[in-house]
Amino acid sequence: MAKKFNFEKKIKDFQKFERTVPKRVGNVAKNHFLESFDNEGFSDGSIKSDPWDERKSKTKRDQVAKRRQLLIQSGALKRSIKVASNPTFRKIAVGAYGIEYASRHNRGLSGMPKRQFVGKSKILDRKIRNLISKEIKKIL
């Protein structure tokens, strides 16, 4: 016997999808960007396609700093990675908020080596497509 198609339930499921999935996509992106700090490199097309430049150690203070991860001193930069409020399918913004030096590190400006942690990524695109596909298949 064929299953009865419940159109109203499908509409409600899709409305829930529209409300919840943008935030989940934002969290997938946020977690991907946070992995850059753990991996000390940005994953844009392979497992670790763009490793960060090593720290240049010249003083005793720098030698102590060499023991901690790159871009981690107080942890403020890593903690600043957030999903902007109220994401929608039209706009999901994820980035470093409230840290003025974030873009200098991410882009390699003002004489700093480029240590990208946020940006376009084929791996991230694949993660997002998989999440959306999985959720659409649940509805259908």
C-alpha atoms as a PDB file:
ATOM      1  CA  MET A   1       0.000   0.000   0.000  1.00  0.00           C
ATOM      2  CA  ALA A   2       1.349   3.426  -0.961  1.00  0.00           C
ATOM      3  CA  LYS A   3       2.101   6.005   1.695  1.00  0.00           C
ATOM      4  CA  LYS A   4      -0.276   8.932   1.796  1.00  0.00           C
ATOM      5  CA  PHE A   5       1.425  12.204   0.839  1.00  0.00           C
ATOM      6  CA  ASN A   6       0.875  14.856   3.499  1.00  0.00           C
ATOM      7  CA  PHE A   7       1.381  18.181   1.723  1.00  0.00           C
ATOM      8  CA  GLU A   8       0.795  20.307   4.857  1.00  0.00           C
ATOM      9  CA  LYS A   9       3.479  18.399   6.773  1.00  0.00           C
ATOM     10  CA  LYS A  10       5.949  18.883   3.918  1.00  0.00           C
ATOM     11  CA  ILE A  11       5.264  22.636   3.942  1.00  0.00           C
ATOM     12  CA  LYS A  12       5.819  22.789   7.718  1.00  0.00           C
ATOM     13  CA  ASP A  13       8.985  20.721   7.399  1.00  0.00           C
ATOM     14  CA  PHE A  14      10.280  23.049   4.697  1.00  0.00           C
ATOM     15  CA  GLN A  15       9.447  26.131   6.783  1.00  0.00           C
ATOM     16  CA  LYS A  16      11.393  24.613   9.671  1.00  0.00           C
ATOM     17  CA  PHE A  17      14.239  23.922   7.239  1.00  0.00           C
ATOM     18  CA  GLU A  18      14.241  27.602   6.199  1.00  0.00           C
ATOM     19  CA  ARG A  19      14.386  28.725   9.843  1.00  0.00           C
ATOM     20  CA  THR A  20      17.008  26.325  11.161  1.00  0.00           C
ATOM     21  CA  VAL A  21      19.399  25.422   8.348  1.00  0.00           C
ATOM     22  CA  PRO A  22      21.017  28.869   7.824  1.00  0.00           C
ATOM     23  CA  LYS A  23      22.196  28.877  11.463  1.00  0.00           C
ATOM     24  CA  ARG A  24      23.464  25.309  11.078  1.00  0.00           C
ATOM     25  CA  VAL A  25      25.306  26.260   7.869  1.00  0.00           C
ATOM     26  CA  GLY A  26      26.845  29.193   9.739  1.00  0.00           C
ATOM     27  CA  ASN A  27      27.979  26.864  12.514  1.00  0.00           C
ATOM     28  CA  VAL A  28      29.517  24.460   9.984  1.00  0.00           C
ATOM     29  CA  ALA A  29      31.478  27.408   8.536  1.00  0.00           C
ATOM     30  CA  LYS A  30      32.466  28.654  11.994  1.00  0.00           C
ATOM     31  CA  ASN A  31      33.754  25.205  12.984  1.00  0.00           C
ATOM     32  CA  HIS A  32      35.653  24.907   9.694  1.00  0.00           C
ATOM     33  CA  PHE A  33      37.345  28.245  10.336  1.00  0.00           C
ATOM     34  CA  LEU A  34      38.155  27.292  13.943  1.00  0.00           C
ATOM     35  CA  GLU A  35      39.888  24.163  12.613  1.00  0.00           C
ATOM     36  CA  SER A  36      42.360  26.517  10.903  1.00  0.00           C
ATOM     37  CA  PHE A  37      43.703  27.474  14.330  1.00  0.00           C
ATOM     38  CA  ASP A  38      44.068  23.832  15.392  1.00  0.00           C
ATOM     39  CA  ASN A  39      45.682  22.815  12.067  1.00  0.00           C
ATOM     40  CA  GLU A  40      47.756  26.012  11.811  1.00  0.00           C
ATOM     41  CA  GLY A  41      46.675  26.298   8.199  1.00  0.00           C
ATOM     42  CA  PHE A  42      43.627  27.038   6.088  1.00  0.00           C
ATOM     43  CA  SER A  43      41.869  24.132   4.343  1.00  0.00           C
ATOM     44  CA  ASP A  44      40.564  25.350   1.024  1.00  0.00           C
ATOM     45  CA  GLY A  45      40.896  22.362  -1.294  1.00  0.00           C
ATOM     46  CA  SER A  46      42.814  19.606   0.423  1.00  0.00           C
ATOM     47  CA  ILE A  47      43.298  18.418   3.987  1.00  0.00           C
ATOM     48  CA  LYS A  48      45.824  21.163   4.809  1.00  0.00           C
ATOM     49  CA  SER A  49      46.406  23.097   1.625  1.00  0.00           C
ATOM     50  CA  ASP A  50      47.777  26.370   2.986  1.00  0.00           C
ATOM     51  CA  PRO A  51      49.932  25.906   6.109  1.00  0.00           C
ATOM     52  CA  TRP A  52      50.824  29.056   7.981  1.00  0.00           C
ATOM     53  CA  ASP A  53      54.375  30.425   8.005  1.00  0.00           C
ATOM     54  CA  GLU A  54      56.407  29.442  11.035  1.00  0.00           C
ATOM     55  CA  ARG A  55      56.941  31.939  13.839  1.00  0.00           C
ATOM     56  CA  LYS A  56      60.267  33.772  13.584  1.00  0.00           C
ATOM     57  CA  SER A  57      61.973  33.269  16.952  1.00  0.00           C
ATOM     58  CA  LYS A  58      64.638  35.792  17.866  1.00  0.00           C
ATOM     59  CA  THR A  59      64.214  36.603  21.563  1.00  0.00           C
ATOM     60  CA  LYS A  60      63.719  34.501  24.674  1.00  0.00           C
ATOM     61  CA  ARG A  61      60.068  35.678  24.799  1.00  0.00           C
ATOM     62  CA  ASP A  62      59.604  34.405  21.234  1.00  0.00           C
ATOM     63  CA  GLN A  63      61.106  31.040  22.208  1.00  0.00           C
ATOM     64  CA  VAL A  64      58.441  30.709  24.926  1.00  0.00           C
ATOM     65  CA  ALA A  65      55.787  31.768  22.411  1.00  0.00           C
ATOM     66  CA  LYS A  66      57.006  29.077  20.000  1.00  0.00           C
ATOM     67  CA  ARG A  67      55.543  26.445  22.336  1.00  0.00           C
ATOM     68  CA  ARG A  68      51.982  27.680  21.814  1.00  0.00           C
ATOM     69  CA  GLN A  69      49.988  27.532  18.603  1.00  0.00           C
ATOM     70  CA  LEU A  70      50.329  30.239  15.998  1.00  0.00           C
ATOM     71  CA  LEU A  71      47.860  33.150  16.330  1.00  0.00           C
ATOM     72  CA  ILE A  72      47.099  32.095  19.916  1.00  0.00           C
ATOM     73  CA  GLN A  73      48.284  34.443  22.624  1.00  0.00           C
ATOM     74  CA  SER A  74      45.203  35.314  24.633  1.00  0.00           C
ATOM     75  CA  GLY A  75      42.754  33.317  22.503  1.00  0.00           C
ATOM     76  CA  ALA A  76      40.759  36.456  21.653  1.00  0.00           C
ATOM     77  CA  LEU A  77      41.166  36.072  17.887  1.00  0.00           C
ATOM     78  CA  LYS A  78      39.967  32.465  17.910  1.00  0.00           C
ATOM     79  CA  ARG A  79      37.038  33.327  20.210  1.00  0.00           C
ATOM     80  CA  SER A  80      36.048  36.196  17.904  1.00  0.00           C
ATOM     81  CA  ILE A  81      34.972  33.809  15.117  1.00  0.00           C
ATOM     82  CA  LYS A  82      31.186  34.046  15.156  1.00  0.00           C
ATOM     83  CA  VAL A  83      28.088  33.602  13.010  1.00  0.00           C
ATOM     84  CA  ALA A  84      26.439  37.002  12.537  1.00  0.00           C
ATOM     85  CA  SER A  85      22.985  37.252  14.073  1.00  0.00           C
ATOM     86  CA  ASN A  86      19.879  36.123  12.205  1.00  0.00           C
ATOM     87  CA  PRO A  87      21.399  34.263   9.252  1.00  0.00           C
ATOM     88  CA  THR A  88      19.122  33.621   6.278  1.00  0.00           C
ATOM     89  CA  PHE A  89      19.598  31.769   3.007  1.00  0.00           C
ATOM     90  CA  ARG A  90      20.264  35.168   1.413  1.00  0.00           C
ATOM     91  CA  LYS A  91      23.038  36.033   3.856  1.00  0.00           C
ATOM     92  CA  ILE A  92      25.054  33.940   6.261  1.00  0.00           C
ATOM     93  CA  ALA A  93      28.013  35.924   7.588  1.00  0.00           C
ATOM     94  CA  VAL A  94      30.783  34.269   9.571  1.00  0.00           C
ATOM     95  CA  GLY A  95      33.952  36.050  10.571  1.00  0.00           C
ATOM     96  CA  ALA A  96      36.148  37.547  13.243  1.00  0.00           C
ATOM     97  CA  TYR A  97      34.113  40.210  15.019  1.00  0.00           C
ATOM     98  CA  GLY A  98      35.552  42.843  17.336  1.00  0.00           C
ATOM     99  CA  ILE A  99      39.220  42.145  16.652  1.00  0.00           C
ATOM    100  CA  GLU A 100      40.828  44.928  14.642  1.00  0.00           C
ATOM    101  CA  TYR A 101      43.959  42.958  13.718  1.00  0.00           C
ATOM    102  CA  ALA A 102      42.078  39.926  12.360  1.00  0.00           C
ATOM    103  CA  SER A 103      42.139  40.992   8.713  1.00  0.00           C
ATOM    104  CA  ARG A 104      45.864  41.832   8.904  1.00  0.00           C
ATOM    105  CA  HIS A 105      46.580  38.236   9.892  1.00  0.00           C
ATOM    106  CA  ASN A 106      44.013  36.730   7.525  1.00  0.00           C
ATOM    107  CA  ARG A 107      45.236  38.696   4.481  1.00  0.00           C
ATOM    108  CA  GLY A 108      48.886  39.185   5.406  1.00  0.00           C
ATOM    109  CA  LEU A 109      48.836  42.985   5.644  1.00  0.00           C
ATOM    110  CA  SER A 110      51.134  45.492   7.405  1.00  0.00           C
ATOM    111  CA  GLY A 111      54.207  43.296   7.103  1.00  0.00           C
ATOM    112  CA  MET A 112      52.559  40.300   8.774  1.00  0.00           C
ATOM    113  CA  PRO A 113      52.766  36.911   7.107  1.00  0.00           C
ATOM    114  CA  LYS A 114      49.459  35.707   5.673  1.00  0.00           C
ATOM    115  CA  ARG A 115      47.894  33.227   8.066  1.00  0.00           C
ATOM    116  CA  GLN A 116      44.445  32.810   6.587  1.00  0.00           C
ATOM    117  CA  PHE A 117      41.763  31.365   8.841  1.00  0.00           C
ATOM    118  CA  VAL A 118      38.579  32.643   7.127  1.00  0.00           C
ATOM    119  CA  GLY A 119      37.684  32.570   3.435  1.00  0.00           C
ATOM    120  CA  LYS A 120      36.393  30.592   0.466  1.00  0.00           C
ATOM    121  CA  SER A 121      36.977  26.869   0.700  1.00  0.00           C
ATOM    122  CA  LYS A 122      36.022  23.947  -1.534  1.00  0.00           C
ATOM    123  CA  ILE A 123      36.025  21.675   1.496  1.00  0.00           C
ATOM    124  CA  LEU A 124      33.630  23.993   3.341  1.00  0.00           C
ATOM    125  CA  ASP A 125      31.386  24.215   0.260  1.00  0.00           C
ATOM    126  CA  ARG A 126      31.227  20.406   0.204  1.00  0.00           C
ATOM    127  CA  LYS A 127      30.332  20.259   3.920  1.00  0.00           C
ATOM    128  CA  ILE A 128      27.533  22.793   3.382  1.00  0.00           C
ATOM    129  CA  ARG A 129      26.169  20.989   0.294  1.00  0.00           C
ATOM    130  CA  ASN A 130      26.145  17.708   2.218  1.00  0.00           C
ATOM    131  CA  LEU A 131      24.256  19.270   5.135  1.00  0.00           C
ATOM    132  CA  ILE A 132      21.637  20.867   2.877  1.00  0.00           C
ATOM    133  CA  SER A 133      21.215  17.713   0.775  1.00  0.00           C
ATOM    134  CA  LYS A 134      20.762  15.592   3.877  1.00  0.00           C
ATOM    135  CA  GLU A 135      18.134  17.954   5.288  1.00  0.00           C
ATOM    136  CA  ILE A 136      16.228  18.179   1.982  1.00  0.00           C
ATOM    137  CA  LYS A 137      16.183  14.380   1.698  1.00  0.00           C
ATOM    138  CA  LYS A 138      14.633  14.215   5.183  1.00  0.00           C
ATOM    139  CA  ILE A 139      11.816  16.489   4.018  1.00  0.00           C
ATOM    140  CA  LEU A 140      11.188  14.629   0.784  1.00  0.00           C
END
